[in-house]
Amino acid sequence: MASNFFVAGGAALTSDNMEWETPPELYEAVDAIWNFDLDPCASDENHLCEDYFTADDDGLSKDWGGRRVFCNPPYGRAIGKWVEKAAKESIKPNTVVILLIPSRTDTAYWNDWVKPYAAEVSFLRGRVKYRLHGKELNSSPFPSALIRFGGRLPDIARPEALREERLF
């Protein structure tokens, strides 16, 4: 299954599989800053927060207001809807949304939502090694970024954990 991930027509280049899991070390480093309490793009097997929405719950239709949200959205054609949702939800009081997305700066979603509304964009060093069913895959074929919508960066600007992991 993982062997076809990066080939032409493989799931990394299509929207065939929507459950590419965030590497734990990446999530833990960012969670150390924000203490997330909602994962709107999860499954019962891969959720990162106690509160989460599955595909059946439809996180796009739910209220994220007042939450600290970590969102690794499906990277298929619907990614723009998730980026738009993050930007719009972040204007609610006490709401911050961090997205882990491909840094595809030429796309409509990037130019329509990230560029004008993101509070911070952090391009990740190297390529993310996503997981599938808990197993690490090869590096992704695209660069990634963490996008912050809303919220104010905590008093610690860049914690040592992030610098030591060389994520940024």
C-alpha atoms as a PDB file:
ATOM      1  CA  MET A   1       0.000   0.000   0.000  1.00  0.00           C
ATOM      2  CA  ALA A   2       2.642   2.565   1.006  1.00  0.00           C
ATOM      3  CA  SER A   3       4.819   1.582  -1.943  1.00  0.00           C
ATOM      4  CA  ASN A   4       2.329   3.203  -4.356  1.00  0.00           C
ATOM      5  CA  PHE A   5       2.094   6.424  -2.360  1.00  0.00           C
ATOM      6  CA  PHE A   6       4.536   8.469  -4.427  1.00  0.00           C
ATOM      7  CA  VAL A   7       4.220   6.961  -7.911  1.00  0.00           C
ATOM      8  CA  ALA A   8       2.357   8.720 -10.714  1.00  0.00           C
ATOM      9  CA  GLY A   9      -1.301   8.287  -9.873  1.00  0.00           C
ATOM     10  CA  GLY A  10      -0.363   7.286  -6.323  1.00  0.00           C
ATOM     11  CA  ALA A  11      -2.297   8.633  -3.375  1.00  0.00           C
ATOM     12  CA  ALA A  12       0.230  11.384  -2.620  1.00  0.00           C
ATOM     13  CA  LEU A  13      -0.551  12.953  -5.962  1.00  0.00           C
ATOM     14  CA  THR A  14      -4.309  12.284  -5.891  1.00  0.00           C
ATOM     15  CA  SER A  15      -7.137  12.472  -3.403  1.00  0.00           C
ATOM     16  CA  ASP A  16      -7.552   8.686  -3.145  1.00  0.00           C
ATOM     17  CA  ASN A  17      -6.726   8.496   0.555  1.00  0.00           C
ATOM     18  CA  MET A  18      -7.565  11.265   2.992  1.00  0.00           C
ATOM     19  CA  GLU A  19      -6.013   9.849   6.147  1.00  0.00           C
ATOM     20  CA  TRP A  20      -2.337  10.803   5.919  1.00  0.00           C
ATOM     21  CA  GLU A  21      -1.371  11.198   9.555  1.00  0.00           C
ATOM     22  CA  THR A  22       0.697  14.004  11.042  1.00  0.00           C
ATOM     23  CA  PRO A  23       4.103  12.850  12.322  1.00  0.00           C
ATOM     24  CA  PRO A  24       3.956  12.813  16.134  1.00  0.00           C
ATOM     25  CA  GLU A  25       7.162  14.822  16.572  1.00  0.00           C
ATOM     26  CA  LEU A  26       5.790  17.631  14.406  1.00  0.00           C
ATOM     27  CA  TYR A  27       2.461  17.716  16.216  1.00  0.00           C
ATOM     28  CA  GLU A  28       4.060  17.579  19.671  1.00  0.00           C
ATOM     29  CA  ALA A  29       6.399  20.485  18.881  1.00  0.00           C
ATOM     30  CA  VAL A  30       3.533  22.706  17.731  1.00  0.00           C
ATOM     31  CA  ASP A  31       1.158  21.497  20.449  1.00  0.00           C
ATOM     32  CA  ALA A  32       3.751  22.540  23.043  1.00  0.00           C
ATOM     33  CA  ILE A  33       3.059  26.129  21.985  1.00  0.00           C
ATOM     34  CA  TRP A  34      -0.688  26.070  21.440  1.00  0.00           C
ATOM     35  CA  ASN A  35      -2.082  23.231  23.571  1.00  0.00           C
ATOM     36  CA  PHE A  36      -4.639  22.213  20.936  1.00  0.00           C
ATOM     37  CA  ASP A  37      -8.108  21.086  21.948  1.00  0.00           C
ATOM     38  CA  LEU A  38      -9.728  20.222  18.582  1.00  0.00           C
ATOM     39  CA  ASP A  39      -8.732  18.093  15.591  1.00  0.00           C
ATOM     40  CA  PRO A  40     -11.427  18.636  12.930  1.00  0.00           C
ATOM     41  CA  CYS A  41      -9.916  16.248  10.328  1.00  0.00           C
ATOM     42  CA  ALA A  42      -9.457  12.971  12.128  1.00  0.00           C
ATOM     43  CA  SER A  43     -10.551   9.403  12.409  1.00  0.00           C
ATOM     44  CA  ASP A  44     -11.208   7.344  15.490  1.00  0.00           C
ATOM     45  CA  GLU A  45      -7.766   5.802  14.940  1.00  0.00           C
ATOM     46  CA  ASN A  46      -5.598   8.867  14.237  1.00  0.00           C
ATOM     47  CA  HIS A  47      -7.069  11.802  16.181  1.00  0.00           C
ATOM     48  CA  LEU A  48      -4.573  14.096  17.887  1.00  0.00           C
ATOM     49  CA  CYS A  49      -6.911  15.781  20.377  1.00  0.00           C
ATOM     50  CA  GLU A  50      -9.492  14.444  22.771  1.00  0.00           C
ATOM     51  CA  ASP A  51     -12.133  16.413  20.841  1.00  0.00           C
ATOM     52  CA  TYR A  52     -12.160  15.601  17.142  1.00  0.00           C
ATOM     53  CA  PHE A  53     -14.384  15.303  14.108  1.00  0.00           C
ATOM     54  CA  THR A  54     -14.352  12.391  11.690  1.00  0.00           C
ATOM     55  CA  ALA A  55     -15.384  12.475   8.029  1.00  0.00           C
ATOM     56  CA  ASP A  56     -18.864  11.348   9.125  1.00  0.00           C
ATOM     57  CA  ASP A  57     -19.050  14.287  11.562  1.00  0.00           C
ATOM     58  CA  ASP A  58     -18.122  16.704   8.739  1.00  0.00           C
ATOM     59  CA  GLY A  59     -15.750  19.140  10.430  1.00  0.00           C
ATOM     60  CA  LEU A  60     -16.474  21.734   7.743  1.00  0.00           C
ATOM     61  CA  SER A  61     -20.036  22.041   9.037  1.00  0.00           C
ATOM     62  CA  LYS A  62     -19.063  22.338  12.724  1.00  0.00           C
ATOM     63  CA  ASP A  63     -18.307  25.389  14.852  1.00  0.00           C
ATOM     64  CA  TRP A  64     -14.642  25.785  15.809  1.00  0.00           C
ATOM     65  CA  GLY A  65     -15.165  29.038  17.706  1.00  0.00           C
ATOM     66  CA  GLY A  66     -13.253  29.514  20.947  1.00  0.00           C
ATOM     67  CA  ARG A  67     -10.996  26.540  20.226  1.00  0.00           C
ATOM     68  CA  ARG A  68      -7.291  25.930  19.620  1.00  0.00           C
ATOM     69  CA  VAL A  69      -7.458  23.887  16.436  1.00  0.00           C
ATOM     70  CA  PHE A  70      -4.838  21.736  14.744  1.00  0.00           C
ATOM     71  CA  CYS A  71      -5.947  20.789  11.244  1.00  0.00           C
ATOM     72  CA  ASN A  72      -4.147  18.509   8.804  1.00  0.00           C
ATOM     73  CA  PRO A  73      -6.888  18.612   6.150  1.00  0.00           C
ATOM     74  CA  PRO A  74      -7.440  16.229   3.264  1.00  0.00           C
ATOM     75  CA  TYR A  75      -5.010  17.246   0.514  1.00  0.00           C
ATOM     76  CA  GLY A  76      -7.416  16.540  -2.329  1.00  0.00           C
ATOM     77  CA  ARG A  77      -9.592  18.959  -4.258  1.00  0.00           C
ATOM     78  CA  ALA A  78     -11.456  20.003  -1.092  1.00  0.00           C
ATOM     79  CA  ILE A  79      -8.364  21.473   0.596  1.00  0.00           C
ATOM     80  CA  GLY A  80      -9.450  24.984  -0.384  1.00  0.00           C
ATOM     81  CA  LYS A  81     -12.678  24.569   1.586  1.00  0.00           C
ATOM     82  CA  TRP A  82     -10.657  23.663   4.687  1.00  0.00           C
ATOM     83  CA  VAL A  83      -8.325  26.635   4.279  1.00  0.00           C
ATOM     84  CA  GLU A  84     -11.318  28.947   3.833  1.00  0.00           C
ATOM     85  CA  LYS A  85     -13.014  27.418   6.902  1.00  0.00           C
ATOM     86  CA  ALA A  86      -9.872  27.942   8.993  1.00  0.00           C
ATOM     87  CA  ALA A  87      -9.608  31.598   7.961  1.00  0.00           C
ATOM     88  CA  LYS A  88     -13.279  32.293   8.669  1.00  0.00           C
ATOM     89  CA  GLU A  89     -13.375  30.429  11.996  1.00  0.00           C
ATOM     90  CA  SER A  90     -10.280  32.253  13.227  1.00  0.00           C
ATOM     91  CA  ILE A  91     -12.078  35.587  13.371  1.00  0.00           C
ATOM     92  CA  LYS A  92     -14.239  34.248  16.213  1.00  0.00           C
ATOM     93  CA  PRO A  93     -13.112  35.302  19.696  1.00  0.00           C
ATOM     94  CA  ASN A  94     -10.409  33.168  21.343  1.00  0.00           C
ATOM     95  CA  THR A  95      -9.937  31.022  18.251  1.00  0.00           C
ATOM     96  CA  VAL A  96      -6.663  29.986  16.675  1.00  0.00           C
ATOM     97  CA  VAL A  97      -6.292  27.514  13.818  1.00  0.00           C
ATOM     98  CA  ILE A  98      -3.013  25.947  12.731  1.00  0.00           C
ATOM     99  CA  LEU A  99      -3.105  24.178   9.372  1.00  0.00           C
ATOM    100  CA  LEU A 100      -0.530  21.713   8.080  1.00  0.00           C
ATOM    101  CA  ILE A 101      -0.788  22.005   4.312  1.00  0.00           C
ATOM    102  CA  PRO A 102       1.318  21.710   1.168  1.00  0.00           C
ATOM    103  CA  SER A 103       3.071  25.018   0.507  1.00  0.00           C
ATOM    104  CA  ARG A 104       1.573  25.373  -2.943  1.00  0.00           C
ATOM    105  CA  THR A 105       1.812  29.120  -3.247  1.00  0.00           C
ATOM    106  CA  ASP A 106       0.487  29.114  -6.801  1.00  0.00           C
ATOM    107  CA  THR A 107      -2.931  27.726  -5.892  1.00  0.00           C
ATOM    108  CA  ALA A 108      -6.206  29.596  -5.570  1.00  0.00           C
ATOM    109  CA  TYR A 109      -6.625  28.567  -1.917  1.00  0.00           C
ATOM    110  CA  TRP A 110      -3.199  29.961  -1.048  1.00  0.00           C
ATOM    111  CA  ASN A 111      -3.760  33.271  -2.821  1.00  0.00           C
ATOM    112  CA  ASP A 112      -7.397  33.661  -1.753  1.00  0.00           C
ATOM    113  CA  TRP A 113      -7.058  32.655   1.910  1.00  0.00           C
ATOM    114  CA  VAL A 114      -3.480  32.146   3.146  1.00  0.00           C
ATOM    115  CA  LYS A 115      -1.804  35.160   1.596  1.00  0.00           C
ATOM    116  CA  PRO A 116      -4.348  37.796   2.696  1.00  0.00           C
ATOM    117  CA  TYR A 117      -5.543  36.342   6.027  1.00  0.00           C
ATOM    118  CA  ALA A 118      -2.852  34.209   7.675  1.00  0.00           C
ATOM    119  CA  ALA A 119      -1.338  35.645  10.825  1.00  0.00           C
ATOM    120  CA  GLU A 120       1.810  33.577  10.285  1.00  0.00           C
ATOM    121  CA  VAL A 121       3.231  31.181   7.708  1.00  0.00           C
ATOM    122  CA  SER A 122       6.043  28.835   8.730  1.00  0.00           C
ATOM    123  CA  PHE A 123       7.611  26.872   5.903  1.00  0.00           C
ATOM    124  CA  LEU A 124       8.822  23.509   7.166  1.00  0.00           C
ATOM    125  CA  ARG A 125      12.403  22.474   6.619  1.00  0.00           C
ATOM    126  CA  GLY A 126      12.726  19.417   4.396  1.00  0.00           C
ATOM    127  CA  ARG A 127       9.777  17.222   3.495  1.00  0.00           C
ATOM    128  CA  VAL A 128       7.247  15.852   5.958  1.00  0.00           C
ATOM    129  CA  LYS A 129       7.217  12.096   6.471  1.00  0.00           C
ATOM    130  CA  TYR A 130       3.534  11.398   6.892  1.00  0.00           C
ATOM    131  CA  ARG A 131       2.197   8.206   8.411  1.00  0.00           C
ATOM    132  CA  LEU A 132      -0.454   5.788   7.314  1.00  0.00           C
ATOM    133  CA  HIS A 133      -2.005   3.552   9.959  1.00  0.00           C
ATOM    134  CA  GLY A 134       0.822   4.562  12.302  1.00  0.00           C
ATOM    135  CA  LYS A 135       3.612   3.556   9.915  1.00  0.00           C
ATOM    136  CA  GLU A 136       6.058   6.189   8.641  1.00  0.00           C
ATOM    137  CA  LEU A 137       6.086   6.708   4.891  1.00  0.00           C
ATOM    138  CA  ASN A 138       8.779   8.139   2.662  1.00  0.00           C
ATOM    139  CA  SER A 139       9.116  11.907   2.517  1.00  0.00           C
ATOM    140  CA  SER A 140       6.285  13.683   0.742  1.00  0.00           C
ATOM    141  CA  PRO A 141       6.907  14.910  -2.819  1.00  0.00           C
ATOM    142  CA  PHE A 142       5.984  18.492  -1.875  1.00  0.00           C
ATOM    143  CA  PRO A 143       7.113  21.056   0.703  1.00  0.00           C
ATOM    144  CA  SER A 144       4.753  21.843   3.579  1.00  0.00           C
ATOM    145  CA  ALA A 145       3.893  24.793   5.756  1.00  0.00           C
ATOM    146  CA  LEU A 146       2.179  25.503   9.034  1.00  0.00           C
ATOM    147  CA  ILE A 147      -0.341  28.289   8.639  1.00  0.00           C
ATOM    148  CA  ARG A 148      -1.677  30.200  11.636  1.00  0.00           C
ATOM    149  CA  PHE A 149      -5.012  31.928  11.408  1.00  0.00           C
ATOM    150  CA  GLY A 150      -6.038  34.044  14.394  1.00  0.00           C
ATOM    151  CA  GLY A 151      -4.614  33.908  17.850  1.00  0.00           C
ATOM    152  CA  ARG A 152      -1.628  35.732  19.226  1.00  0.00           C
ATOM    153  CA  LEU A 153       1.694  33.965  19.401  1.00  0.00           C
ATOM    154  CA  PRO A 154       2.351  33.012  23.018  1.00  0.00           C
ATOM    155  CA  ASP A 155       5.070  34.886  24.894  1.00  0.00           C
ATOM    156  CA  ILE A 156       7.627  32.344  23.738  1.00  0.00           C
ATOM    157  CA  ALA A 157       8.309  33.280  20.130  1.00  0.00           C
ATOM    158  CA  ARG A 158      10.109  30.123  18.996  1.00  0.00           C
ATOM    159  CA  PRO A 159      10.550  27.497  21.692  1.00  0.00           C
ATOM    160  CA  GLU A 160      13.743  25.493  21.828  1.00  0.00           C
ATOM    161  CA  ALA A 161      11.828  22.351  20.899  1.00  0.00           C
ATOM    162  CA  LEU A 162      11.124  23.738  17.446  1.00  0.00           C
ATOM    163  CA  ARG A 163      14.664  24.959  16.907  1.00  0.00           C
ATOM    164  CA  GLU A 164      16.149  21.690  18.115  1.00  0.00           C
ATOM    165  CA  GLU A 165      13.879  19.689  15.815  1.00  0.00           C
ATOM    166  CA  ARG A 166      14.921  22.047  13.003  1.00  0.00           C
ATOM    167  CA  LEU A 167      11.341  22.216  11.794  1.00  0.00           C
ATOM    168  CA  PHE A 168      11.553  25.892  10.854  1.00  0.00           C
END
